């Protein structure tokens, strides 16, 4: 049985925090994708620390991949005009 999509209202003013990251590590299993966002110290450029770890269901990660690709493509097309 497949479930119907649910409309979820997101309040954009409820951001918990913002973190800057120069690198991301991606780990995939049969059911999940884990993203580890890494901040590299600009003074040493060799030391990094994981500032956020996000684990997504595989289908959500695939949707995120498509959304990022389409958003970048649209942005680049607008810049060319």
Protein backbone atom coordinates (compact mmCIF):
# COMPACT_ATOMS: atom_id res chain seq x y z
CA UNK A 1 0.00 0.00 0.00
CA UNK A 2 1.36 3.42 -0.92
CA UNK A 3 0.63 6.45 1.19
CA UNK A 4 -0.68 9.69 -0.25
CA UNK A 5 1.60 12.75 -0.20
CA UNK A 6 0.91 15.09 2.70
CA UNK A 7 1.15 18.87 2.44
CA UNK A 8 3.33 20.07 5.29
CA UNK A 9 3.38 23.76 6.07
CA UNK A 10 6.86 24.97 7.02
CA UNK A 11 7.29 28.22 8.90
CA UNK A 12 10.52 29.73 7.46
CA UNK A 13 11.04 31.82 10.59
CA UNK A 14 11.61 28.68 12.67
CA UNK A 15 15.21 28.11 11.56
CA UNK A 16 17.10 26.56 14.47
CA UNK A 17 20.51 27.70 13.28
CA UNK A 18 22.77 28.12 10.29
CA UNK A 19 26.09 26.38 9.75
CA UNK A 20 28.75 26.95 7.07
CA UNK A 21 30.39 23.93 5.46
CA UNK A 22 32.97 23.60 2.67
CA UNK A 23 32.80 19.80 2.35
CA UNK A 24 30.20 17.08 2.54
CA UNK A 25 30.71 13.36 2.95
CA UNK A 26 28.01 11.03 1.58
CA UNK A 27 27.39 7.51 2.84
CA UNK A 28 24.72 5.27 1.30
CA UNK A 29 23.07 2.09 2.53
CA UNK A 30 20.18 0.13 0.99
CA UNK A 31 17.68 2.25 2.93
CA UNK A 32 19.36 5.55 3.90
CA UNK A 33 21.74 8.28 2.82
CA UNK A 34 23.83 10.09 5.43
CA UNK A 35 25.34 13.50 4.73
CA UNK A 36 28.12 14.76 7.00
CA UNK A 37 28.78 18.47 6.58
CA UNK A 38 32.37 19.41 7.40
CA UNK A 39 33.84 22.80 8.30
CA UNK A 40 37.53 23.22 7.49
CA UNK A 41 39.49 25.71 9.57
CA UNK A 42 40.77 28.38 7.10
CA UNK A 43 43.89 28.99 9.20
CA UNK A 44 45.19 25.44 9.03
CA UNK A 45 43.28 24.18 5.98
CA UNK A 46 43.97 20.64 7.16
CA UNK A 47 41.70 20.37 10.19
CA UNK A 48 38.01 19.82 9.77
CA UNK A 49 35.11 18.97 11.99
CA UNK A 50 31.67 17.55 11.31
CA UNK A 51 29.25 20.38 12.03
CA UNK A 52 26.09 18.54 11.06
CA UNK A 53 25.06 14.99 10.22
CA UNK A 54 21.78 14.38 8.41
CA UNK A 55 20.38 10.94 7.64
CA UNK A 56 17.59 10.70 5.07
CA UNK A 57 15.44 7.85 3.80
CA UNK A 58 16.73 6.78 0.38
CA UNK A 59 13.70 8.13 -1.53
CA UNK A 60 13.96 11.51 0.21
CA UNK A 61 17.66 11.69 -0.71
CA UNK A 62 16.80 10.95 -4.35
CA UNK A 63 14.21 13.73 -4.29
CA UNK A 64 16.78 16.08 -2.74
CA UNK A 65 19.29 15.17 -5.47
CA UNK A 66 16.75 16.03 -8.17
CA UNK A 67 15.71 19.27 -6.44
CA UNK A 68 19.33 20.46 -6.08
CA UNK A 69 20.15 19.58 -9.70
CA UNK A 70 17.06 21.35 -11.07
CA UNK A 71 17.56 24.42 -8.88
CA UNK A 72 21.20 24.83 -9.98
CA UNK A 73 20.25 24.28 -13.62
CA UNK A 74 17.52 26.94 -13.41
CA UNK A 75 19.85 29.38 -11.65
CA UNK A 76 22.56 28.96 -14.31
CA UNK A 77 20.03 29.41 -17.12
CA UNK A 78 18.85 32.69 -15.57
CA UNK A 79 22.42 33.96 -15.36
CA UNK A 80 22.97 33.31 -19.09
CA UNK A 81 20.07 35.57 -20.11
